[in-house]
Amino acid sequence: MCLTCGCMQAHKVMTDADITYEDVKKAADQNGVTVDQILETIGRTADKDRLEHPAEYSKAGAT
């Protein structure tokens, strides 16, 4: 999983909620782009969404 938990093991499955390299690769393949492009898109989308919904990114807004 560890694109999300911080263990730095991108292929390790830890929980159902974590995102693995394989998840990102599948998304890239289905969208006809590279893994790097998907990761860049995720970052840009989060940056935009953070501006539009800042409370969701604050500790208080976390679920």
PDB file of N, CA and C in Angstrom:
ATOM      1  N   MET A   1       0.817  -1.179   0.000  1.00  0.00           N
ATOM      2  CA  MET A   1       0.000   0.000   0.000  1.00  0.00           C
ATOM      3  C   MET A   1       0.846   1.220   0.000  1.00  0.00           C
ATOM      4  N   CYS A   2       1.922   1.237   0.431  1.00  0.00           N
ATOM      5  CA  CYS A   2       2.526   2.410   1.005  1.00  0.00           C
ATOM      6  C   CYS A   2       2.841   3.585   0.127  1.00  0.00           C
ATOM      7  N   LEU A   3       1.921   3.916  -0.688  1.00  0.00           N
ATOM      8  CA  LEU A   3       1.963   5.249  -1.262  1.00  0.00           C
ATOM      9  C   LEU A   3       1.275   6.195  -0.293  1.00  0.00           C
ATOM     10  N   THR A   4       0.564   5.658   0.683  1.00  0.00           N
ATOM     11  CA  THR A   4      -0.229   6.505   1.563  1.00  0.00           C
ATOM     12  C   THR A   4       0.181   6.506   3.032  1.00  0.00           C
ATOM     13  N   CYS A   5       0.735   5.441   3.560  1.00  0.00           N
ATOM     14  CA  CYS A   5       0.976   5.416   5.015  1.00  0.00           C
ATOM     15  C   CYS A   5       2.332   5.972   5.414  1.00  0.00           C
ATOM     16  N   GLY A   6       3.263   6.005   4.497  1.00  0.00           N
ATOM     17  CA  GLY A   6       4.576   6.538   4.817  1.00  0.00           C
ATOM     18  C   GLY A   6       5.640   5.490   5.067  1.00  0.00           C
ATOM     19  N   CYS A   7       5.335   4.211   4.893  1.00  0.00           N
ATOM     20  CA  CYS A   7       6.341   3.169   5.121  1.00  0.00           C
ATOM     21  C   CYS A   7       7.327   3.063   3.958  1.00  0.00           C
ATOM     22  N   MET A   8       7.017   3.757   2.865  1.00  0.00           N
ATOM     23  CA  MET A   8       7.895   3.824   1.695  1.00  0.00           C
ATOM     24  C   MET A   8       8.029   2.487   0.964  1.00  0.00           C
ATOM     25  N   GLN A   9       7.012   1.640   1.045  1.00  0.00           N
ATOM     26  CA  GLN A   9       6.984   0.368   0.335  1.00  0.00           C
ATOM     27  C   GLN A   9       5.754   0.379  -0.572  1.00  0.00           C
ATOM     28  N   ALA A  10       5.915   0.898  -1.774  1.00  0.00           N
ATOM     29  CA  ALA A  10       4.800   1.201  -2.668  1.00  0.00           C
ATOM     30  C   ALA A  10       3.952  -0.006  -3.065  1.00  0.00           C
ATOM     31  N   HIS A  11       4.482  -1.206  -2.932  1.00  0.00           N
ATOM     32  CA  HIS A  11       3.756  -2.405  -3.363  1.00  0.00           C
ATOM     33  C   HIS A  11       3.159  -3.195  -2.195  1.00  0.00           C
ATOM     34  N   LYS A  12       3.426  -2.767  -0.979  1.00  0.00           N
ATOM     35  CA  LYS A  12       2.990  -3.507   0.206  1.00  0.00           C
ATOM     36  C   LYS A  12       1.507  -3.256   0.490  1.00  0.00           C
ATOM     37  N   VAL A  13       0.758  -4.324   0.667  1.00  0.00           N
ATOM     38  CA  VAL A  13      -0.657  -4.217   1.019  1.00  0.00           C
ATOM     39  C   VAL A  13      -0.754  -4.246   2.539  1.00  0.00           C
ATOM     40  N   MET A  14      -1.298  -3.170   3.099  1.00  0.00           N
ATOM     41  CA  MET A  14      -1.401  -3.092   4.550  1.00  0.00           C
ATOM     42  C   MET A  14      -2.861  -3.080   5.000  1.00  0.00           C
ATOM     43  N   THR A  15      -3.672  -2.209   4.414  1.00  0.00           N
ATOM     44  CA  THR A  15      -5.098  -2.172   4.733  1.00  0.00           C
ATOM     45  C   THR A  15      -5.892  -1.981   3.447  1.00  0.00           C
ATOM     46  N   ASP A  16      -7.183  -2.223   3.503  1.00  0.00           N
ATOM     47  CA  ASP A  16      -8.040  -2.037   2.330  1.00  0.00           C
ATOM     48  C   ASP A  16      -8.123  -0.574   1.909  1.00  0.00           C
ATOM     49  N   ALA A  17      -7.872   0.337   2.825  1.00  0.00           N
ATOM     50  CA  ALA A  17      -8.021   1.762   2.533  1.00  0.00           C
ATOM     51  C   ALA A  17      -6.778   2.384   1.907  1.00  0.00           C
ATOM     52  N   ASP A  18      -5.645   1.709   1.957  1.00  0.00           N
ATOM     53  CA  ASP A  18      -4.415   2.268   1.433  1.00  0.00           C
ATOM     54  C   ASP A  18      -4.328   2.123  -0.074  1.00  0.00           C
ATOM     55  N   ILE A  19      -3.481   2.933  -0.688  1.00  0.00           N
ATOM     56  CA  ILE A  19      -3.309   2.944  -2.138  1.00  0.00           C
ATOM     57  C   ILE A  19      -1.948   2.356  -2.482  1.00  0.00           C
ATOM     58  N   THR A  20      -1.941   1.365  -3.350  1.00  0.00           N
ATOM     59  CA  THR A  20      -0.699   0.732  -3.781  1.00  0.00           C
ATOM     60  C   THR A  20      -0.275   1.248  -5.143  1.00  0.00           C
ATOM     61  N   TYR A  21       0.969   0.981  -5.482  1.00  0.00           N
ATOM     62  CA  TYR A  21       1.462   1.294  -6.823  1.00  0.00           C
ATOM     63  C   TYR A  21       0.560   0.635  -7.859  1.00  0.00           C
ATOM     64  N   GLU A  22       0.149  -0.587  -7.582  1.00  0.00           N
ATOM     65  CA  GLU A  22      -0.691  -1.321  -8.531  1.00  0.00           C
ATOM     66  C   GLU A  22      -2.020  -0.602  -8.785  1.00  0.00           C
ATOM     67  N   ASP A  23      -2.589   0.024  -7.754  1.00  0.00           N
ATOM     68  CA  ASP A  23      -3.814   0.816  -7.924  1.00  0.00           C
ATOM     69  C   ASP A  23      -3.571   1.987  -8.871  1.00  0.00           C
ATOM     70  N   VAL A  24      -2.458   2.668  -8.669  1.00  0.00           N
ATOM     71  CA  VAL A  24      -2.137   3.821  -9.517  1.00  0.00           C
ATOM     72  C   VAL A  24      -1.835   3.364 -10.935  1.00  0.00           C
ATOM     73  N   LYS A  25      -1.129   2.257 -11.079  1.00  0.00           N
ATOM     74  CA  LYS A  25      -0.805   1.718 -12.407  1.00  0.00           C
ATOM     75  C   LYS A  25      -2.082   1.347 -13.152  1.00  0.00           C
ATOM     76  N   LYS A  26      -3.028   0.734 -12.462  1.00  0.00           N
ATOM     77  CA  LYS A  26      -4.305   0.372 -13.079  1.00  0.00           C
ATOM     78  C   LYS A  26      -5.036   1.619 -13.567  1.00  0.00           C
ATOM     79  N   ALA A  27      -5.053   2.666 -12.753  1.00  0.00           N
ATOM     80  CA  ALA A  27      -5.691   3.923 -13.147  1.00  0.00           C
ATOM     81  C   ALA A  27      -4.984   4.527 -14.351  1.00  0.00           C
ATOM     82  N   ALA A  28      -3.667   4.479 -14.352  1.00  0.00           N
ATOM     83  CA  ALA A  28      -2.900   5.007 -15.489  1.00  0.00           C
ATOM     84  C   ALA A  28      -3.227   4.238 -16.756  1.00  0.00           C
ATOM     85  N   ASP A  29      -3.202   2.930 -16.674  1.00  0.00           N
ATOM     86  CA  ASP A  29      -3.486   2.098 -17.846  1.00  0.00           C
ATOM     87  C   ASP A  29      -4.894   2.364 -18.382  1.00  0.00           C
ATOM     88  N   GLN A  30      -5.866   2.461 -17.499  1.00  0.00           N
ATOM     89  CA  GLN A  30      -7.248   2.656 -17.927  1.00  0.00           C
ATOM     90  C   GLN A  30      -7.477   4.055 -18.510  1.00  0.00           C
ATOM     91  N   ASN A  31      -6.625   5.004 -18.138  1.00  0.00           N
ATOM     92  CA  ASN A  31      -6.742   6.361 -18.664  1.00  0.00           C
ATOM     93  C   ASN A  31      -5.765   6.643 -19.800  1.00  0.00           C
ATOM     94  N   GLY A  32      -4.965   5.650 -20.152  1.00  0.00           N
ATOM     95  CA  GLY A  32      -4.031   5.801 -21.264  1.00  0.00           C
ATOM     96  C   GLY A  32      -2.904   6.782 -21.002  1.00  0.00           C
ATOM     97  N   VAL A  33      -2.468   6.863 -19.731  1.00  0.00           N
ATOM     98  CA  VAL A  33      -1.375   7.754 -19.356  1.00  0.00           C
ATOM     99  C   VAL A  33      -0.364   6.982 -18.514  1.00  0.00           C
ATOM    100  N   THR A  34       0.718   7.658 -18.135  1.00  0.00           N
ATOM    101  CA  THR A  34       1.747   7.014 -17.320  1.00  0.00           C
ATOM    102  C   THR A  34       1.432   7.145 -15.833  1.00  0.00           C
ATOM    103  N   VAL A  35       2.120   6.348 -15.040  1.00  0.00           N
ATOM    104  CA  VAL A  35       1.997   6.445 -13.583  1.00  0.00           C
ATOM    105  C   VAL A  35       2.400   7.849 -13.127  1.00  0.00           C
ATOM    106  N   ASP A  36       3.481   8.378 -13.685  1.00  0.00           N
ATOM    107  CA  ASP A  36       3.900   9.731 -13.311  1.00  0.00           C
ATOM    108  C   ASP A  36       2.817  10.758 -13.623  1.00  0.00           C
ATOM    109  N   GLN A  37       2.145  10.610 -14.745  1.00  0.00           N
ATOM    110  CA  GLN A  37       1.075  11.542 -15.084  1.00  0.00           C
ATOM    111  C   GLN A  37      -0.080  11.444 -14.096  1.00  0.00           C
ATOM    112  N   ILE A  38      -0.427  10.231 -13.689  1.00  0.00           N
ATOM    113  CA  ILE A  38      -1.495  10.058 -12.692  1.00  0.00           C
ATOM    114  C   ILE A  38      -1.109  10.718 -11.379  1.00  0.00           C
ATOM    115  N   LEU A  39       0.126  10.505 -10.927  1.00  0.00           N
ATOM    116  CA  LEU A  39       0.570  11.098  -9.666  1.00  0.00           C
ATOM    117  C   LEU A  39       0.585  12.625  -9.746  1.00  0.00           C
ATOM    118  N   GLU A  40       0.995  13.176 -10.882  1.00  0.00           N
ATOM    119  CA  GLU A  40       0.963  14.628 -11.072  1.00  0.00           C
ATOM    120  C   GLU A  40      -0.472  15.137 -11.050  1.00  0.00           C
ATOM    121  N   THR A  41      -1.373  14.410 -11.700  1.00  0.00           N
ATOM    122  CA  THR A  41      -2.786  14.801 -11.723  1.00  0.00           C
ATOM    123  C   THR A  41      -3.379  14.772 -10.325  1.00  0.00           C
ATOM    124  N   ILE A  42      -3.045  13.760  -9.555  1.00  0.00           N
ATOM    125  CA  ILE A  42      -3.530  13.680  -8.170  1.00  0.00           C
ATOM    126  C   ILE A  42      -3.066  14.907  -7.394  1.00  0.00           C
ATOM    127  N   GLY A  43      -1.801  15.263  -7.533  1.00  0.00           N
ATOM    128  CA  GLY A  43      -1.272  16.425  -6.828  1.00  0.00           C
ATOM    129  C   GLY A  43      -1.947  17.724  -7.245  1.00  0.00           C
ATOM    130  N   ARG A  44      -2.118  17.921  -8.547  1.00  0.00           N
ATOM    131  CA  ARG A  44      -2.772  19.138  -9.039  1.00  0.00           C
ATOM    132  C   ARG A  44      -4.230  19.192  -8.596  1.00  0.00           C
ATOM    133  N   THR A  45      -4.899  18.053  -8.649  1.00  0.00           N
ATOM    134  CA  THR A  45      -6.302  18.007  -8.230  1.00  0.00           C
ATOM    135  C   THR A  45      -6.428  18.319  -6.742  1.00  0.00           C
ATOM    136  N   ALA A  46      -5.541  17.764  -5.928  1.00  0.00           N
ATOM    137  CA  ALA A  46      -5.573  18.037  -4.485  1.00  0.00           C
ATOM    138  C   ALA A  46      -5.291  19.509  -4.216  1.00  0.00           C
ATOM    139  N   ASP A  47      -4.332  20.104  -4.944  1.00  0.00           N
ATOM    140  CA  ASP A  47      -4.037  21.525  -4.768  1.00  0.00           C
ATOM    141  C   ASP A  47      -5.265  22.377  -5.063  1.00  0.00           C
ATOM    142  N   LYS A  48      -5.951  22.083  -6.146  1.00  0.00           N
ATOM    143  CA  LYS A  48      -7.156  22.823  -6.533  1.00  0.00           C
ATOM    144  C   LYS A  48      -8.263  22.607  -5.506  1.00  0.00           C
ATOM    145  N   ASP A  49      -8.476  21.369  -5.121  1.00  0.00           N
ATOM    146  CA  ASP A  49      -9.541  21.060  -4.171  1.00  0.00           C
ATOM    147  C   ASP A  49      -9.269  21.681  -2.805  1.00  0.00           C
ATOM    148  N   ARG A  50      -7.997  21.724  -2.420  1.00  0.00           N
ATOM    149  CA  ARG A  50      -7.611  22.320  -1.130  1.00  0.00           C
ATOM    150  C   ARG A  50      -8.005  23.796  -1.088  1.00  0.00           C
ATOM    151  N   LEU A  51      -7.871  24.490  -2.216  1.00  0.00           N
ATOM    152  CA  LEU A  51      -8.269  25.896  -2.286  1.00  0.00           C
ATOM    153  C   LEU A  51      -9.784  26.052  -2.216  1.00  0.00           C
ATOM    154  N   GLU A  52     -10.496  25.120  -2.817  1.00  0.00           N
ATOM    155  CA  GLU A  52     -11.958  25.193  -2.863  1.00  0.00           C
ATOM    156  C   GLU A  52     -12.620  24.674  -1.588  1.00  0.00           C
ATOM    157  N   HIS A  53     -11.960  23.777  -0.882  1.00  0.00           N
ATOM    158  CA  HIS A  53     -12.533  23.144   0.316  1.00  0.00           C
ATOM    159  C   HIS A  53     -11.484  23.051   1.424  1.00  0.00           C
ATOM    160  N   PRO A  54     -10.974  24.184   1.889  1.00  0.00           N
ATOM    161  CA  PRO A  54      -9.866  24.136   2.852  1.00  0.00           C
ATOM    162  C   PRO A  54     -10.192  23.415   4.155  1.00  0.00           C
ATOM    163  N   ALA A  55     -11.423  23.463   4.594  1.00  0.00           N
ATOM    164  CA  ALA A  55     -11.776  22.812   5.861  1.00  0.00           C
ATOM    165  C   ALA A  55     -11.578  21.301   5.793  1.00  0.00           C
ATOM    166  N   GLU A  56     -11.737  20.742   4.602  1.00  0.00           N
ATOM    167  CA  GLU A  56     -11.564  19.288   4.455  1.00  0.00           C
ATOM    168  C   GLU A  56     -10.108  18.869   4.645  1.00  0.00           C
ATOM    169  N   TYR A  57      -9.187  19.803   4.507  1.00  0.00           N
ATOM    170  CA  TYR A  57      -7.763  19.500   4.614  1.00  0.00           C
ATOM    171  C   TYR A  57      -7.177  19.893   5.956  1.00  0.00           C
ATOM    172  N   SER A  58      -7.967  20.530   6.792  1.00  0.00           N
ATOM    173  CA  SER A  58      -7.494  20.908   8.120  1.00  0.00           C
ATOM    174  C   SER A  58      -7.690  19.742   9.072  1.00  0.00           C
ATOM    175  N   LYS A  59      -6.982  19.789  10.179  1.00  0.00           N
ATOM    176  CA  LYS A  59      -7.132  18.726  11.175  1.00  0.00           C
ATOM    177  C   LYS A  59      -8.568  18.647  11.670  1.00  0.00           C
ATOM    178  N   ALA A  60      -9.182  19.785  11.872  1.00  0.00           N
ATOM    179  CA  ALA A  60     -10.553  19.823  12.366  1.00  0.00           C
ATOM    180  C   ALA A  60     -11.530  19.212  11.362  1.00  0.00           C
ATOM    181  N   GLY A  61     -11.210  19.345  10.071  1.00  0.00           N
ATOM    182  CA  GLY A  61     -12.103  18.823   9.041  1.00  0.00           C
ATOM    183  C   GLY A  61     -11.841  17.368   8.703  1.00  0.00           C
ATOM    184  N   ALA A  62     -10.812  16.784   9.274  1.00  0.00           N
ATOM    185  CA  ALA A  62     -10.480  15.394   8.987  1.00  0.00           C
ATOM    186  C   ALA A  62     -11.521  14.461   9.565  1.00  0.00           C
ATOM    187  N   THR A  63     -11.744  13.368   8.851  1.00  0.00           N
ATOM    188  CA  THR A  63     -12.696  12.378   9.342  1.00  0.00           C
ATOM    189  C   THR A  63     -11.985  11.126   9.773  1.00  0.00           C
TER     190      THR A  63
END
